[in-house]
């Protein structure tokens, strides 16, 4: 990793992209420290101290702890994530949108524009709901003017983050939204590690404390290495191109392969599944519904969707929510893969170029073969994501530690996945630059 970055810094074009990305990240972190005008910070801190649901812990994680201080970036990119889920689900429900998505660059531009508009709408709804739902305690002066002012500032902050993410994607390195999410999560890792130390190590005798610390380090290293192998793993489908005559030259005849990543959907299933499960608890908290000690059927259902309630030996019934979470992971793994990988299109392109998979006829048999291989690979990738995400949840439920650690596995998946994808993009940029230099010489 360090060698790749060192080599990249030696290339002026890539160095400019890296510097631009770092500057944008600095802007994001500065914005996370600027409090929203008119907010009663003391009330927010006391309210947050009484929250035990992991829905808010997850929300705070992806906002880089700016939700606890209600900064101008308090909503962060959560409206964008939600709007992306909605738009991508709509592409399945609405054939017109599905057609536009497959039209190429113009179709993708329309989908992106729709996602932006929906992001602004969701940010406005969330900010207004928070300002009104918390009531007079939330704002220093509870007036319609201040409600509108806070809503506009938070909506503008979310829109600015979305714009910064797009600028990083276009002019920087990596996927901008993923980079913002990565930096926000990393900012909260010291707190999670301190919580681990306080819960597991502090107060133990020296020998036991060292043993527990080594076990925790070993578990973290295992999860990191596992995620790296999961992200890098791929199935290579061999492709043979038939020889053909063009003028006096014989073309084709070479062998190649189609790389199919084991974790084809990346970190998307984990982000989407966690975001969807956190919505009911967040809405319930704003509505004043007590789901930590529920007395109604709705309260029990919301508590079952709350990750802090899973794997608790004293309340095993709520662990059914874990099955919902695992089901969502599998669903989004297949769903996102179906959007990004089209076996029919790949089979058609291979046929046009005279390529074929040895032992498989071109056309429909090739697409069917690719689909069957893809289905097997996706389930393996989804199972890998489950292992990394669920281990901290199980340990949290059995030991009863802070609910913020429920998302430690999710955080590792996002951190490692985004870093690997960014490094791969830097390496590809270096390869393209070397080819250009060779051609110019």
Protein backbone atom coordinates (compact mmCIF):
# COMPACT_ATOMS: atom_id res chain seq x y z
CA UNK A 1 0.00 0.00 0.00
CA UNK A 2 2.72 2.50 1.00
CA UNK A 3 4.78 1.61 -2.07
CA UNK A 4 1.78 2.29 -4.30
CA UNK A 5 1.19 5.69 -2.66
CA UNK A 6 4.88 6.58 -2.89
CA UNK A 7 4.97 5.77 -6.60
CA UNK A 8 1.71 7.65 -7.17
CA UNK A 9 3.08 10.80 -5.49
CA UNK A 10 5.89 10.78 -8.04
CA UNK A 11 3.38 11.38 -10.86
CA UNK A 12 2.21 14.99 -11.07
CA UNK A 13 -1.30 14.24 -12.35
CA UNK A 14 -2.05 11.65 -9.67
CA UNK A 15 -0.39 13.80 -7.00
CA UNK A 16 -2.79 16.64 -7.79
CA UNK A 17 -5.74 14.26 -7.49
CA UNK A 18 -4.50 12.97 -4.14
CA UNK A 19 -3.93 16.50 -2.80
CA UNK A 20 -7.41 17.55 -3.95
CA UNK A 21 -8.94 14.53 -2.22
CA UNK A 22 -7.11 15.28 1.04
CA UNK A 23 -8.19 18.94 0.96
CA UNK A 24 -11.82 17.95 0.43
CA UNK A 25 -11.59 15.52 3.34
CA UNK A 26 -10.19 18.30 5.54
CA UNK A 27 -13.16 20.47 4.58
CA UNK A 28 -15.52 17.63 5.55
CA UNK A 29 -13.90 17.17 8.96
CA UNK A 30 -13.91 20.92 9.65
CA UNK A 31 -17.60 21.08 8.79
CA UNK A 32 -18.28 18.23 11.22
CA UNK A 33 -16.96 20.45 14.05
CA UNK A 34 -19.07 23.55 13.25
CA UNK A 35 -22.28 23.54 15.34
CA UNK A 36 -25.58 24.43 13.72
CA UNK A 37 -26.72 27.92 14.84
CA UNK A 38 -29.70 27.93 17.19
CA UNK A 39 -29.22 24.38 18.52
CA UNK A 40 -29.30 23.77 22.27
CA UNK A 41 -26.04 21.81 22.57
CA UNK A 42 -26.59 20.93 26.25
CA UNK A 43 -29.94 19.28 25.49
CA UNK A 44 -28.50 17.34 22.55
CA UNK A 45 -25.67 15.98 24.71
CA UNK A 46 -28.00 14.91 27.54
CA UNK A 47 -30.48 13.38 25.08
CA UNK A 48 -27.72 11.45 23.35
CA UNK A 49 -26.42 10.11 26.67
CA UNK A 50 -29.82 8.46 27.27
CA UNK A 51 -29.90 6.71 23.89
CA UNK A 52 -29.05 3.01 23.93
CA UNK A 53 -30.31 1.94 20.51
CA UNK A 54 -27.76 1.05 17.86
CA UNK A 55 -29.86 2.82 15.26
CA UNK A 56 -28.48 6.12 16.51
CA UNK A 57 -25.02 4.65 17.04
CA UNK A 58 -24.91 3.59 13.39
CA UNK A 59 -26.24 6.99 12.32
CA UNK A 60 -23.59 8.70 14.45
CA UNK A 61 -20.89 6.43 13.03
CA UNK A 62 -21.55 7.30 9.40
CA UNK A 63 -21.79 11.02 10.29
CA UNK A 64 -18.36 11.02 11.93
CA UNK A 65 -19.79 11.77 15.40
CA UNK A 66 -21.21 15.05 14.08
CA UNK A 67 -24.74 13.91 14.95
CA UNK A 68 -23.96 14.08 18.67
CA UNK A 69 -22.93 17.73 18.33
CA UNK A 70 -25.55 18.58 15.69
CA UNK A 71 -23.00 20.18 13.41
CA UNK A 72 -23.87 21.60 9.98
CA UNK A 73 -23.00 18.13 8.60
CA UNK A 74 -25.15 16.30 11.17
CA UNK A 75 -27.15 14.49 8.48
CA UNK A 76 -23.96 13.67 6.57
CA UNK A 77 -24.52 11.42 3.53
CA UNK A 78 -27.31 9.36 5.10
CA UNK A 79 -29.97 11.05 2.90
CA UNK A 80 -27.87 10.18 -0.15
CA UNK A 81 -27.58 6.54 0.94
CA UNK A 82 -31.33 6.32 1.52
CA UNK A 83 -32.14 7.97 -1.81
CA UNK A 84 -29.75 5.60 -3.60
CA UNK A 85 -31.60 2.63 -2.09
CA UNK A 86 -34.98 4.05 -3.12
CA UNK A 87 -33.90 4.92 -6.68
CA UNK A 88 -32.27 1.55 -7.27
CA UNK A 89 -35.35 -0.24 -5.99
CA UNK A 90 -37.48 1.92 -8.28
CA UNK A 91 -35.43 0.81 -11.28
CA UNK A 92 -36.85 -2.67 -10.70
CA UNK A 93 -40.42 -1.53 -10.05
CA UNK A 94 -40.57 0.98 -12.94
CA UNK A 95 -39.59 -0.45 -16.37
CA UNK A 96 -38.97 3.05 -17.78
CA UNK A 97 -36.26 3.73 -15.21
CA UNK A 98 -34.72 0.32 -15.86
CA UNK A 99 -34.55 1.12 -19.56
CA UNK A 100 -32.95 4.49 -18.89
CA UNK A 101 -30.36 2.91 -16.64
CA UNK A 102 -29.32 0.61 -19.48
CA UNK A 103 -29.19 3.40 -22.08
CA UNK A 104 -25.62 4.31 -21.24
CA UNK A 105 -24.17 7.62 -20.11
CA UNK A 106 -27.33 9.69 -20.64
CA UNK A 107 -29.45 7.23 -18.71
CA UNK A 108 -26.99 7.16 -15.83
CA UNK A 109 -26.95 10.98 -15.75
CA UNK A 110 -30.73 11.02 -15.36
CA UNK A 111 -30.60 8.42 -12.57
CA UNK A 112 -27.90 10.44 -10.79
CA UNK A 113 -29.95 13.63 -11.15
CA UNK A 114 -33.01 11.86 -9.71
CA UNK A 115 -30.89 10.61 -6.80
CA UNK A 116 -29.66 14.16 -6.10
CA UNK A 117 -33.16 15.65 -6.05
CA UNK A 118 -34.42 12.88 -3.79
CA UNK A 119 -31.42 13.40 -1.49
CA UNK A 120 -32.32 17.08 -1.03
CA UNK A 121 -35.96 16.18 -0.36
CA UNK A 122 -35.04 13.53 2.23
CA UNK A 123 -32.55 15.84 3.93
CA UNK A 124 -35.20 18.55 4.19
CA UNK A 125 -37.75 16.09 5.62
CA UNK A 126 -35.26 14.73 8.16
CA UNK A 127 -34.06 18.15 9.31
CA UNK A 128 -37.60 19.54 9.68
CA UNK A 129 -38.73 16.38 11.52
CA UNK A 130 -35.81 16.68 13.95
CA UNK A 131 -36.41 20.37 14.60
CA UNK A 132 -40.15 19.88 15.20
CA UNK A 133 -39.93 16.44 16.82
CA UNK A 134 -37.44 17.47 19.50
CA UNK A 135 -39.50 20.55 20.23
CA UNK A 136 -38.56 23.55 22.33
CA UNK A 137 -35.69 21.74 24.09
CA UNK A 138 -33.88 21.18 20.79
CA UNK A 139 -33.80 24.84 19.75
CA UNK A 140 -32.73 27.75 21.90
CA UNK A 141 -35.71 29.75 20.59
CA UNK A 142 -38.48 27.44 19.35
CA UNK A 143 -39.99 29.55 16.57
CA UNK A 144 -40.95 28.77 13.00
CA UNK A 145 -38.13 31.01 11.85
CA UNK A 146 -35.53 28.96 13.75
CA UNK A 147 -37.08 25.67 12.61
CA UNK A 148 -36.81 26.78 8.99
CA UNK A 149 -33.28 28.15 9.54
CA UNK A 150 -32.01 24.89 11.08
CA UNK A 151 -33.71 22.84 8.36
CA UNK A 152 -32.11 24.93 5.60
CA UNK A 153 -28.64 24.78 7.18
CA UNK A 154 -28.71 21.00 7.69
CA UNK A 155 -30.16 20.38 4.23
CA UNK A 156 -27.49 22.63 2.72
CA UNK A 157 -24.83 20.74 4.69
CA UNK A 158 -26.02 17.39 3.34
CA UNK A 159 -26.17 18.82 -0.20
CA UNK A 160 -22.65 20.23 0.18
CA UNK A 161 -21.34 16.82 1.26
CA UNK A 162 -23.01 15.22 -1.74
CA UNK A 163 -21.36 17.82 -4.01
CA UNK A 164 -17.96 17.26 -2.36
CA UNK A 165 -18.36 13.52 -2.88
CA UNK A 166 -19.07 14.03 -6.56
CA UNK A 167 -16.09 16.37 -6.91
CA UNK A 168 -13.79 13.78 -5.30
CA UNK A 169 -15.10 11.17 -7.74
CA UNK A 170 -14.55 13.44 -10.76
CA UNK A 171 -11.37 15.30 -9.80
CA UNK A 172 -9.87 13.26 -7.00
CA UNK A 173 -9.14 9.63 -6.18
CA UNK A 174 -11.69 6.96 -5.35
CA UNK A 175 -15.45 7.13 -4.97
CA UNK A 176 -16.24 10.41 -3.22
CA UNK A 177 -19.21 9.23 -1.19
CA UNK A 178 -17.27 6.16 -0.03
CA UNK A 179 -14.29 8.34 0.91
CA UNK A 180 -16.48 10.60 3.06
CA UNK A 181 -18.00 7.55 4.72
CA UNK A 182 -14.52 6.09 5.27
CA UNK A 183 -13.17 9.24 6.95
CA UNK A 184 -16.25 9.60 9.16
CA UNK A 185 -15.95 6.01 10.36
CA UNK A 186 -12.21 6.27 10.98
CA UNK A 187 -12.81 9.35 13.14
CA UNK A 188 -14.90 7.19 15.50
CA UNK A 189 -12.52 4.22 15.71
CA UNK A 190 -10.50 5.61 18.65
CA UNK A 191 -13.71 5.77 20.69
CA UNK A 192 -14.60 2.17 19.82
CA UNK A 193 -11.10 0.97 20.72
CA UNK A 194 -11.25 2.91 23.99
CA UNK A 195 -14.61 1.27 24.75
CA UNK A 196 -13.08 -2.16 24.13
CA UNK A 197 -10.24 -1.35 26.51
CA UNK A 198 -12.59 -0.06 29.22
CA UNK A 199 -14.98 -3.02 29.00
CA UNK A 200 -12.59 -5.93 28.49
CA UNK A 201 -9.13 -4.94 29.75
CA UNK A 202 -9.41 -2.21 32.36
CA UNK A 203 -9.67 -3.52 35.91
CA UNK A 204 -8.26 -6.96 35.10
CA UNK A 205 -5.01 -8.25 36.57
CA UNK A 206 -1.96 -7.73 34.35
CA UNK A 207 -1.72 -11.30 32.99
CA UNK A 208 -5.43 -11.60 32.18
CA UNK A 209 -5.54 -8.07 30.77
CA UNK A 210 -2.65 -8.79 28.41
CA UNK A 211 -4.25 -12.07 27.33
CA UNK A 212 -7.60 -10.40 26.59
CA UNK A 213 -5.86 -7.55 24.72
CA UNK A 214 -3.96 -10.05 22.57
CA UNK A 215 -7.18 -11.95 21.82
CA UNK A 216 -8.91 -8.72 20.76
CA UNK A 217 -5.96 -7.74 18.53
CA UNK A 218 -5.92 -11.24 17.00
CA UNK A 219 -9.65 -11.06 16.30
CA UNK A 220 -9.33 -7.64 14.67
CA UNK A 221 -6.38 -8.81 12.53
CA UNK A 222 -8.32 -11.91 11.53
CA UNK A 223 -11.30 -9.82 10.44
CA UNK A 224 -9.08 -7.39 8.51
CA UNK A 225 -7.20 -10.17 6.69
CA UNK A 226 -10.47 -11.98 5.99
CA UNK A 227 -12.00 -8.84 4.47
CA UNK A 228 -8.88 -8.29 2.34
CA UNK A 229 -9.08 -11.82 0.93
CA UNK A 230 -12.82 -11.41 0.45
CA UNK A 231 -12.36 -8.15 -1.48
CA UNK A 232 -9.47 -9.45 -3.62
CA UNK A 233 -10.90 -12.91 -4.31
CA UNK A 234 -12.13 -13.51 -7.84
CA UNK A 235 -13.19 -16.29 -10.17
CA UNK A 236 -11.57 -16.06 -13.61
CA UNK A 237 -13.68 -17.37 -16.48
CA UNK A 238 -11.40 -18.36 -19.41
CA UNK A 239 -12.26 -16.83 -22.80
CA UNK A 240 -10.85 -17.91 -26.15
CA UNK A 241 -11.04 -15.68 -29.22
CA UNK A 242 -11.34 -17.37 -32.60
CA UNK A 243 -8.87 -16.55 -35.36
CA UNK A 244 -10.14 -14.42 -38.24
CA UNK A 245 -8.63 -12.96 -41.38
CA UNK A 246 -8.62 -9.19 -41.92
CA UNK A 247 -6.96 -8.33 -45.25
CA UNK A 248 -3.63 -10.16 -45.24
CA UNK A 249 -3.45 -10.40 -41.45
CA UNK A 250 -4.59 -13.13 -39.12
CA UNK A 251 -6.26 -11.64 -36.08
CA UNK A 252 -7.52 -13.19 -32.85
CA UNK A 253 -6.64 -16.55 -31.43
CA UNK A 254 -5.52 -15.16 -28.06
CA UNK A 255 -6.77 -16.26 -24.67
CA UNK A 256 -8.18 -14.00 -21.98
CA UNK A 257 -10.48 -14.23 -18.97
CA UNK A 258 -13.47 -12.55 -17.35
CA UNK A 259 -12.67 -11.59 -13.73
CA UNK A 260 -15.68 -12.13 -11.47
CA UNK A 261 -15.06 -10.83 -7.95
CA UNK A 262 -16.25 -12.98 -5.08
CA UNK A 263 -17.62 -9.96 -3.27
CA UNK A 264 -19.17 -8.44 -6.37
CA UNK A 265 -21.31 -5.92 -4.47
CA UNK A 266 -18.50 -4.63 -2.23
CA UNK A 267 -19.65 -2.83 0.91
CA UNK A 268 -23.04 -1.83 -0.51
CA UNK A 269 -25.07 -4.71 1.06
CA UNK A 270 -23.78 -3.92 4.56
CA UNK A 271 -24.45 -0.17 4.23
CA UNK A 272 -27.92 -0.62 2.74
CA UNK A 273 -29.03 -3.35 5.17
CA UNK A 274 -27.82 -1.44 8.25
CA UNK A 275 -29.41 1.80 6.99
CA UNK A 276 -32.80 0.19 6.38
CA UNK A 277 -32.89 -1.50 9.79
CA UNK A 278 -31.96 1.73 11.56
CA UNK A 279 -34.82 3.75 10.04
CA UNK A 280 -37.72 2.31 12.16
CA UNK A 281 -35.88 2.90 15.44
CA UNK A 282 -34.91 6.46 14.47
CA UNK A 283 -38.47 7.30 13.46
CA UNK A 284 -39.79 5.72 16.66
CA UNK A 285 -37.41 7.78 18.80
CA UNK A 286 -38.43 11.02 17.11
CA UNK A 287 -42.09 10.05 17.58
CA UNK A 288 -41.54 9.39 21.28
CA UNK A 289 -42.14 5.63 21.06
CA UNK A 290 -40.31 3.65 23.75
CA UNK A 291 -38.93 0.52 22.08
CA UNK A 292 -36.22 -0.29 24.65
CA UNK A 293 -38.91 -1.55 27.08
CA UNK A 294 -41.79 -2.14 24.65
CA UNK A 295 -45.40 -2.67 25.70
CA UNK A 296 -46.97 -2.89 22.23
CA UNK A 297 -46.53 -5.21 19.25
CA UNK A 298 -44.99 -2.37 17.23
CA UNK A 299 -42.51 -1.65 20.02
CA UNK A 300 -41.45 -5.33 20.14
CA UNK A 301 -40.95 -5.38 16.36
CA UNK A 302 -38.82 -2.22 16.44
CA UNK A 303 -36.75 -3.63 19.30
CA UNK A 304 -36.27 -6.82 17.28
CA UNK A 305 -34.86 -4.75 14.42
CA UNK A 306 -32.47 -3.02 16.82
CA UNK A 307 -29.06 -4.71 16.73
CA UNK A 308 -28.46 -4.07 20.45
CA UNK A 309 -31.24 -6.59 21.17
CA UNK A 310 -29.72 -9.46 19.18
CA UNK A 311 -27.94 -12.49 20.66
CA UNK A 312 -28.99 -11.55 24.18
CA UNK A 313 -29.39 -14.84 26.13
CA UNK A 314 -32.05 -13.30 28.38
CA UNK A 315 -34.22 -12.19 25.42
CA UNK A 316 -33.58 -14.67 22.59
CA UNK A 317 -36.80 -13.85 20.72
CA UNK A 318 -35.38 -10.53 19.53
CA UNK A 319 -32.57 -12.37 17.75
CA UNK A 320 -35.09 -13.03 14.96
CA UNK A 321 -34.14 -9.54 13.80
CA UNK A 322 -30.69 -10.94 13.01
CA UNK A 323 -32.31 -13.25 10.45
CA UNK A 324 -33.93 -10.20 8.83
CA UNK A 325 -30.52 -8.52 8.70
CA UNK A 326 -28.89 -11.57 7.10
CA UNK A 327 -31.74 -11.79 4.59
CA UNK A 328 -31.22 -8.14 3.65
CA UNK A 329 -27.50 -8.74 3.20
CA UNK A 330 -28.18 -11.55 0.72
CA UNK A 331 -30.90 -9.56 -1.04
CA UNK A 332 -28.75 -6.47 -1.57
CA UNK A 333 -25.76 -8.60 -2.59
CA UNK A 334 -27.81 -10.14 -5.43
CA UNK A 335 -29.66 -6.90 -6.15
CA UNK A 336 -26.59 -4.71 -6.55
CA UNK A 337 -24.75 -7.40 -8.53
CA UNK A 338 -27.66 -7.64 -10.95
CA UNK A 339 -27.32 -3.89 -11.58
CA UNK A 340 -23.55 -3.81 -12.08
CA UNK A 341 -23.01 -7.13 -13.90
CA UNK A 342 -25.13 -8.06 -16.95
CA UNK A 343 -24.38 -11.62 -18.21
CA UNK A 344 -26.53 -11.16 -21.35
CA UNK A 345 -24.63 -8.02 -22.40
CA UNK A 346 -21.26 -9.67 -21.75
CA UNK A 347 -22.26 -12.77 -23.72
CA UNK A 348 -23.42 -10.61 -26.66
CA UNK A 349 -20.18 -8.61 -26.68
CA UNK A 350 -18.12 -11.79 -26.61
CA UNK A 351 -20.10 -13.21 -29.51
CA UNK A 352 -19.60 -10.05 -31.59
CA UNK A 353 -15.84 -10.16 -30.98
CA UNK A 354 -15.57 -13.85 -31.79
CA UNK A 355 -14.95 -14.89 -28.21
CA UNK A 356 -16.28 -17.96 -26.42
CA UNK A 357 -15.88 -19.84 -23.17
CA UNK A 358 -14.27 -23.26 -23.84
CA UNK A 359 -16.96 -25.93 -23.74
CA UNK A 360 -19.82 -23.39 -23.77
CA UNK A 361 -21.66 -22.34 -26.93
CA UNK A 362 -21.87 -18.58 -27.65
CA UNK A 363 -25.06 -16.65 -27.05
CA UNK A 364 -27.73 -17.80 -24.61
CA UNK A 365 -25.75 -20.79 -23.22
CA UNK A 366 -22.89 -18.41 -22.37
CA UNK A 367 -25.14 -15.96 -20.51
CA UNK A 368 -26.80 -18.85 -18.64
CA UNK A 369 -23.38 -20.19 -17.66
CA UNK A 370 -22.21 -16.78 -16.46
CA UNK A 371 -25.44 -16.34 -14.47
CA UNK A 372 -25.02 -19.71 -12.75
CA UNK A 373 -21.39 -18.97 -11.84
CA UNK A 374 -22.35 -15.50 -10.65
CA UNK A 375 -25.13 -16.84 -8.41
CA UNK A 376 -22.72 -19.20 -6.68
CA UNK A 377 -20.09 -16.48 -6.25
CA UNK A 378 -22.55 -13.93 -4.86
CA UNK A 379 -23.73 -16.24 -2.10
CA UNK A 380 -20.10 -16.92 -1.12
CA UNK A 381 -19.41 -13.17 -0.96
CA UNK A 382 -22.59 -12.56 1.04
CA UNK A 383 -21.64 -15.30 3.51
CA UNK A 384 -18.23 -13.66 3.92
CA UNK A 385 -19.87 -10.32 4.68
CA UNK A 386 -22.14 -12.04 7.19
CA UNK A 387 -19.20 -13.53 9.07
CA UNK A 388 -17.41 -10.19 9.46
CA UNK A 389 -20.56 -8.23 10.33
CA UNK A 390 -22.11 -10.76 12.71
CA UNK A 391 -19.09 -11.69 14.89
CA UNK A 392 -19.05 -8.30 16.74
CA UNK A 393 -22.86 -8.42 17.04
CA UNK A 394 -22.73 -11.85 18.70
CA UNK A 395 -19.94 -10.78 21.07
CA UNK A 396 -21.84 -7.59 21.94
CA UNK A 397 -25.03 -9.54 22.72
CA UNK A 398 -23.28 -12.18 24.82
CA UNK A 399 -21.11 -9.78 26.80
CA UNK A 400 -23.55 -6.86 27.01
CA UNK A 401 -20.93 -4.26 26.03
CA UNK A 402 -21.72 -0.90 24.42
CA UNK A 403 -24.04 -1.18 21.47
CA UNK A 404 -21.74 0.98 19.31
CA UNK A 405 -19.45 -2.05 18.96
CA UNK A 406 -22.24 -3.85 17.06
CA UNK A 407 -21.08 -1.98 13.99
CA UNK A 408 -17.37 -2.64 14.45
CA UNK A 409 -17.45 -5.42 11.84
CA UNK A 410 -19.47 -3.21 9.49
CA UNK A 411 -16.91 -0.44 9.97
CA UNK A 412 -14.02 -2.78 9.15
CA UNK A 413 -15.75 -3.96 5.98
CA UNK A 414 -16.26 -0.38 4.81
CA UNK A 415 -12.75 0.78 5.78
CA UNK A 416 -10.88 -2.13 4.18
CA UNK A 417 -13.18 -2.25 1.15
CA UNK A 418 -12.88 1.46 0.36
CA UNK A 419 -9.09 1.49 0.88
CA UNK A 420 -8.61 -1.51 -1.43
CA UNK A 421 -10.87 -0.03 -4.12
CA UNK A 422 -9.07 3.32 -3.91
CA UNK A 423 -5.61 1.71 -4.15
CA UNK A 424 -6.76 -0.33 -7.13
CA UNK A 425 -7.95 2.85 -8.84
CA UNK A 426 -4.60 4.55 -8.14
CA UNK A 427 -2.76 1.56 -9.61
CA UNK A 428 -4.95 1.58 -12.72
CA UNK A 429 -4.30 5.32 -13.14
CA UNK A 430 -0.56 4.63 -12.92
CA UNK A 431 -0.83 1.89 -15.53
CA UNK A 432 -2.77 4.15 -17.91
CA UNK A 433 -0.25 6.95 -17.38
CA UNK A 434 2.66 4.59 -18.14
CA UNK A 435 0.96 3.45 -21.34
CA UNK A 436 0.42 7.07 -22.36
CA UNK A 437 4.05 7.89 -21.67
CA UNK A 438 5.19 4.91 -23.71
CA UNK A 439 3.00 5.92 -26.67
CA UNK A 440 4.16 9.55 -26.51
CA UNK A 441 7.80 8.49 -26.52
